[in-house]
C-alpha atoms as a PDB file:
ATOM      1  CA  MET A   1      22.091 -30.641 -42.577  1.00  0.00           C
ATOM      2  CA  MET A   2      22.647 -27.151 -43.879  1.00  0.00           C
ATOM      3  CA  GLY A   3      23.526 -25.827 -47.271  1.00  0.00           C
ATOM      4  CA  GLY A   4      22.474 -29.060 -48.980  1.00  0.00           C
ATOM      5  CA  SER A   5      25.652 -31.038 -48.196  1.00  0.00           C
ATOM      6  CA  SER A   6      25.823 -34.069 -45.933  1.00  0.00           C
ATOM      7  CA  ASP A   7      28.647 -34.486 -43.450  1.00  0.00           C
ATOM      8  CA  THR A   8      27.262 -37.571 -41.725  1.00  0.00           C
ATOM      9  CA  ALA A   9      29.423 -40.669 -41.716  1.00  0.00           C
ATOM     10  CA  ARG A  10      27.418 -43.842 -42.269  1.00  0.00           C
ATOM     11  CA  SER A  11      28.471 -47.269 -41.148  1.00  0.00           C
ATOM     12  CA  THR A  12      27.730 -50.202 -43.387  1.00  0.00           C
ATOM     13  CA  THR A  13      27.802 -52.644 -40.500  1.00  0.00           C
ATOM     14  CA  GLY A  14      25.058 -50.834 -38.507  1.00  0.00           C
ATOM     15  CA  THR A  15      27.104 -50.546 -35.310  1.00  0.00           C
ATOM     16  CA  THR A  16      28.507 -47.506 -33.617  1.00  0.00           C
ATOM     17  CA  ALA A  17      31.842 -49.024 -32.817  1.00  0.00           C
ATOM     18  CA  GLY A  18      34.652 -46.731 -33.785  1.00  0.00           C
ATOM     19  CA  MET A  19      32.458 -43.626 -34.120  1.00  0.00           C
ATOM     20  CA  GLY A  20      33.748 -42.107 -30.883  1.00  0.00           C
ATOM     21  CA  ALA A  21      30.520 -40.667 -29.455  1.00  0.00           C
ATOM     22  CA  THR A  22      31.613 -40.986 -25.837  1.00  0.00           C
ATOM     23  CA  GLY A  23      30.355 -38.631 -23.177  1.00  0.00           C
ATOM     24  CA  ALA A  24      27.475 -37.352 -25.327  1.00  0.00           C
ATOM     25  CA  ARG A  25      23.904 -38.561 -25.430  1.00  0.00           C
ATOM     26  CA  THR A  26      23.301 -39.813 -28.900  1.00  0.00           C
ATOM     27  CA  GLY A  27      20.215 -41.007 -30.702  1.00  0.00           C
ATOM     28  CA  MET A  28      20.183 -44.033 -32.917  1.00  0.00           C
ATOM     29  CA  THR A  29      17.784 -44.253 -35.873  1.00  0.00           C
ATOM     30  CA  GLY A  30      18.279 -47.185 -38.176  1.00  0.00           C
ATOM     31  CA  ASN A  31      21.882 -47.078 -39.187  1.00  0.00           C
ATOM     32  CA  GLU A  32      22.405 -43.378 -38.375  1.00  0.00           C
ATOM     33  CA  GLU A  33      23.750 -41.930 -35.190  1.00  0.00           C
ATOM     34  CA  HIS A  34      22.701 -38.404 -34.125  1.00  0.00           C
ATOM     35  CA  ILE A  35      24.498 -35.903 -31.963  1.00  0.00           C
ATOM     36  CA  PRO A  36      22.098 -33.244 -30.713  1.00  0.00           C
ATOM     37  CA  ILE A  37      23.401 -29.673 -30.937  1.00  0.00           C
ATOM     38  CA  VAL A  38      22.338 -27.929 -27.737  1.00  0.00           C
ATOM     39  CA  GLU A  39      22.639 -24.226 -27.002  1.00  0.00           C
ATOM     40  CA  GLU A  40      21.719 -22.400 -23.803  1.00  0.00           C
ATOM     41  CA  GLU A  41      20.054 -19.018 -23.814  1.00  0.00           C
ATOM     42  CA  LEU A  42      20.502 -16.521 -21.019  1.00  0.00           C
ATOM     43  CA  HIS A  43      17.238 -15.132 -19.652  1.00  0.00           C
ATOM     44  CA  VAL A  44      17.605 -12.260 -17.214  1.00  0.00           C
ATOM     45  CA  GLY A  45      14.633 -11.404 -15.053  1.00  0.00           C
ATOM     46  CA  LYS A  46      14.200  -9.627 -11.789  1.00  0.00           C
ATOM     47  CA  ARG A  47      12.543 -10.244  -8.456  1.00  0.00           C
ATOM     48  CA  GLU A  48      11.812  -8.103  -5.486  1.00  0.00           C
ATOM     49  CA  VAL A  49      13.693  -8.882  -2.272  1.00  0.00           C
ATOM     50  CA  ASN A  50      13.678  -7.219   1.126  1.00  0.00           C
ATOM     51  CA  ARG A  51      16.798  -5.121   1.746  1.00  0.00           C
ATOM     52  CA  GLY A  52      15.973  -4.119   5.264  1.00  0.00           C
ATOM     53  CA  ARG A  53      13.522  -2.124   7.277  1.00  0.00           C
ATOM     54  CA  VAL A  54      13.376   1.287   8.844  1.00  0.00           C
ATOM     55  CA  ARG A  55      11.226   1.634  11.919  1.00  0.00           C
ATOM     56  CA  VAL A  56      10.693   5.036  13.500  1.00  0.00           C
ATOM     57  CA  HIS A  57       9.259   4.843  16.994  1.00  0.00           C
ATOM     58  CA  SER A  58       8.375   7.854  19.096  1.00  0.00           C
ATOM     59  CA  HIS A  59       8.030   7.805  22.850  1.00  0.00           C
ATOM     60  CA  VAL A  60       7.385  10.443  25.474  1.00  0.00           C
ATOM     61  CA  ILE A  61       9.986  11.356  28.045  1.00  0.00           C
ATOM     62  CA  GLU A  62       9.675  13.697  30.991  1.00  0.00           C
ATOM     63  CA  ARG A  63      12.326  16.053  32.210  1.00  0.00           C
ATOM     64  CA  PRO A  64      12.156  18.436  35.118  1.00  0.00           C
ATOM     65  CA  VAL A  65      12.037  22.125  34.267  1.00  0.00           C
ATOM     66  CA  GLU A  66      12.589  25.049  36.623  1.00  0.00           C
ATOM     67  CA  GLU A  67      11.555  28.658  36.168  1.00  0.00           C
ATOM     68  CA  GLN A  68      11.838  31.595  38.548  1.00  0.00           C
ATOM     69  CA  VAL A  69       8.876  33.851  39.172  1.00  0.00           C
ATOM     70  CA  ARG A  70       8.616  36.837  41.559  1.00  0.00           C
ATOM     71  CA  LEU A  71       5.498  36.584  43.739  1.00  0.00           C
ATOM     72  CA  ARG A  72       4.018  39.467  45.749  1.00  0.00           C
ATOM     73  CA  GLN A  73       2.583  38.936  49.218  1.00  0.00           C
ATOM     74  CA  GLU A  74       0.545  41.384  51.320  1.00  0.00           C
ATOM     75  CA  HIS A  75       0.566  41.314  55.105  1.00  0.00           C
ATOM     76  CA  VAL A  76      -1.737  43.232  57.415  1.00  0.00           C
ATOM     77  CA  ASP A  77      -0.074  44.384  60.588  1.00  0.00           C
ATOM     78  CA  VAL A  78      -2.110  45.237  63.641  1.00  0.00           C
ATOM     79  CA  GLU A  79      -0.312  47.461  66.060  1.00  0.00           C
ATOM     80  CA  ARG A  80      -1.353  48.903  69.359  1.00  0.00           C
ATOM     81  CA  ARG A  81       0.213  52.218  70.302  1.00  0.00           C
ATOM     82  CA  PRO A  82      -0.122  54.122  73.484  1.00  0.00           C
ATOM     83  CA  VAL A  83      -1.708  57.535  72.863  1.00  0.00           C
ATOM     84  CA  ASN A  84      -2.527  60.252  75.359  1.00  0.00           C
ATOM     85  CA  ARG A  85      -4.520  63.136  73.807  1.00  0.00           C
ATOM     86  CA  PRO A  86      -7.829  64.753  74.594  1.00  0.00           C
ATOM     87  CA  ILE A  87     -10.989  63.976  72.634  1.00  0.00           C
ATOM     88  CA  THR A  88     -12.306  66.756  70.483  1.00  0.00           C
ATOM     89  CA  GLY A  89     -16.045  67.408  70.462  1.00  0.00           C
ATOM     90  CA  GLU A  90     -16.697  66.233  66.985  1.00  0.00           C
ATOM     91  CA  GLU A  91     -15.592  62.679  67.438  1.00  0.00           C
ATOM     92  CA  ASN A  92     -18.088  60.024  68.346  1.00  0.00           C
ATOM     93  CA  LEU A  93     -15.840  57.344  69.622  1.00  0.00           C
ATOM     94  CA  PHE A  94     -18.286  55.337  71.635  1.00  0.00           C
ATOM     95  CA  GLN A  95     -19.737  53.168  68.863  1.00  0.00           C
ATOM     96  CA  ASP A  96     -19.005  49.718  67.413  1.00  0.00           C
ATOM     97  CA  ARG A  97     -16.620  49.704  64.486  1.00  0.00           C
ATOM     98  CA  THR A  98     -15.092  47.110  62.304  1.00  0.00           C
ATOM     99  CA  ILE A  99     -12.068  47.596  60.081  1.00  0.00           C
ATOM    100  CA  GLU A 100     -11.331  44.957  57.527  1.00  0.00           C
ATOM    101  CA  ALA A 101      -8.155  44.620  55.533  1.00  0.00           C
ATOM    102  CA  THR A 102      -7.688  41.811  53.036  1.00  0.00           C
ATOM    103  CA  GLU A 103      -4.321  40.234  52.602  1.00  0.00           C
ATOM    104  CA  ARG A 104      -3.478  39.121  49.095  1.00  0.00           C
ATOM    105  CA  ASN A 105      -0.785  36.788  47.867  1.00  0.00           C
ATOM    106  CA  GLU A 106       0.274  35.814  44.364  1.00  0.00           C
ATOM    107  CA  GLN A 107       0.645  32.134  43.621  1.00  0.00           C
ATOM    108  CA  ALA A 108       2.493  30.545  40.759  1.00  0.00           C
ATOM    109  CA  VAL A 109       0.099  29.141  38.188  1.00  0.00           C
ATOM    110  CA  VAL A 110       1.459  26.567  35.773  1.00  0.00           C
ATOM    111  CA  SER A 111      -0.093  25.981  32.413  1.00  0.00           C
ATOM    112  CA  LYS A 112       1.361  24.023  29.557  1.00  0.00           C
ATOM    113  CA  GLU A 113       0.973  24.440  25.832  1.00  0.00           C
ATOM    114  CA  ALA A 114       2.081  21.753  23.442  1.00  0.00           C
ATOM    115  CA  ARG A 115       3.738  23.064  20.304  1.00  0.00           C
ATOM    116  CA  VAL A 116       5.044  21.216  17.280  1.00  0.00           C
ATOM    117  CA  VAL A 117       8.713  22.112  17.062  1.00  0.00           C
ATOM    118  CA  GLU A 118       9.959  19.524  14.592  1.00  0.00           C
ATOM    119  CA  GLU A 119       8.691  16.759  12.330  1.00  0.00           C
ATOM    120  CA  VAL A 120      10.150  13.455  11.266  1.00  0.00           C
ATOM    121  CA  VAL A 121       9.107  12.501   7.755  1.00  0.00           C
ATOM    122  CA  VAL A 122       9.405   8.916   6.541  1.00  0.00           C
ATOM    123  CA  ARG A 123       9.438   8.652   2.774  1.00  0.00           C
ATOM    124  CA  LYS A 124      10.416   5.970   0.301  1.00  0.00           C
ATOM    125  CA  ASN A 125      12.297   6.872  -2.848  1.00  0.00           C
ATOM    126  CA  ALA A 126      12.750   4.518  -5.763  1.00  0.00           C
ATOM    127  CA  THR A 127      15.745   4.794  -8.037  1.00  0.00           C
ATOM    128  CA  GLU A 128      16.679   2.681 -10.995  1.00  0.00           C
ATOM    129  CA  GLU A 129      20.058   1.578 -12.154  1.00  0.00           C
ATOM    130  CA  VAL A 130      21.320  -0.473 -15.026  1.00  0.00           C
ATOM    131  CA  GLN A 131      23.262  -3.523 -13.958  1.00  0.00           C
ATOM    132  CA  ASN A 132      25.295  -5.724 -16.254  1.00  0.00           C
ATOM    133  CA  VAL A 133      24.626  -9.392 -15.621  1.00  0.00           C
ATOM    134  CA  ARG A 134      27.375 -11.736 -16.702  1.00  0.00           C
ATOM    135  CA  ASP A 135      27.196 -15.493 -16.923  1.00  0.00           C
ATOM    136  CA  THR A 136      28.290 -18.234 -19.260  1.00  0.00           C
ATOM    137  CA  VAL A 137      26.119 -20.206 -21.612  1.00  0.00           C
ATOM    138  CA  ARG A 138      26.982 -23.545 -23.120  1.00  0.00           C
ATOM    139  CA  ARG A 139      26.698 -24.674 -26.681  1.00  0.00           C
ATOM    140  CA  THR A 140      27.472 -27.971 -28.317  1.00  0.00           C
ATOM    141  CA  GLU A 141      29.946 -27.646 -31.135  1.00  0.00           C
ATOM    142  CA  VAL A 142      30.758 -30.418 -33.589  1.00  0.00           C
ATOM    143  CA  GLU A 143      34.053 -30.827 -35.323  1.00  0.00           C
ATOM    144  CA  VAL A 144      34.392 -33.117 -38.291  1.00  0.00           C
ATOM    145  CA  ASP A 145      37.921 -34.237 -39.041  1.00  0.00           C
ATOM    146  CA  ARG A 146      38.486 -36.098 -42.295  1.00  0.00           C
ATOM    147  CA  ASP A 147      41.680 -37.752 -43.129  1.00  0.00           C
ATOM    148  CA  ALA A 148      42.271 -38.388 -46.844  1.00  0.00           C
ATOM    149  CA  ASP A 149      44.865 -41.074 -46.146  1.00  0.00           C
ATOM    150  CA  ALA A 150      42.696 -43.133 -43.755  1.00  0.00           C
ATOM    151  CA  ASP A 151      41.331 -46.516 -44.705  1.00  0.00           C
ATOM    152  CA  ARG A 152      37.793 -45.953 -45.988  1.00  0.00           C
ATOM    153  CA  THR A 153      36.702 -49.550 -45.691  1.00  0.00           C
ATOM    154  CA  GLY A 154      33.173 -49.830 -44.371  1.00  0.00           C
ATOM    155  CA  THR A 155      32.100 -46.190 -44.920  1.00  0.00           C
ATOM    156  CA  THR A 156      29.805 -44.995 -47.628  1.00  0.00           C
ATOM    157  CA  GLY A 157      27.970 -41.804 -48.431  1.00  0.00           C
ATOM    158  CA  THR A 158      30.589 -39.307 -47.261  1.00  0.00           C
ATOM    159  CA  THR A 159      30.716 -36.020 -49.040  1.00  0.00           C
ATOM    160  CA  GLY A 160      32.945 -33.020 -48.774  1.00  0.00           C
ATOM    161  CA  THR A 161      36.510 -32.247 -49.633  1.00  0.00           C
ATOM    162  CA  SER A 162      39.189 -34.637 -48.495  1.00  0.00           C
ATOM    163  CA  GLY A 163      41.797 -33.344 -46.097  1.00  0.00           C
ATOM    164  CA  THR A 164      39.766 -30.357 -44.798  1.00  0.00           C
ATOM    165  CA  THR A 165      38.363 -29.723 -41.370  1.00  0.00           C
ATOM    166  CA  ARG A 166      34.961 -28.047 -40.960  1.00  0.00           C
ATOM    167  CA  ARG A 167      34.435 -26.082 -37.796  1.00  0.00           C
ATOM    168  CA  ASP A 168      31.585 -23.915 -38.900  1.00  0.00           C
ATOM    169  CA  GLY A 169      28.936 -25.678 -36.795  1.00  0.00           C
ATOM    170  CA  PHE A 170      27.179 -26.946 -39.962  1.00  0.00           C
END
């Protein structure tokens, strides 16, 4: 009841026959029948869900590398030559002598140095967006149709203007 007026039809016989409340859950109190007015509200929340995963895996590979390097090698040659010349008086040739010559070679020496040449950075960014959520909500609406020419036998306590239809939801 709103606005102080009553739009409830009362039956003098105490039954609901002829009231037409089919398909709706109604409540019965004494000789009144009630139709609950129900309205849904839309509540929008949010939850966190997994969208996917990024996995970065590094592994070591080997590849053959080739470089050219020029290496120097020393060789000692021993040669015997025939000679025919007289000995001069200052030479003392009858003694033990040793001549040593060392041969040297260059060898390739490999050393490795690890250097960072690039980085992979994994970072998460969060952005926000506004999303419109659309759905439907239900509401019970009541229409009261009054017919001024109808037989009013068995009804009492009706108020309102005859011949008008109220669709204002009370």
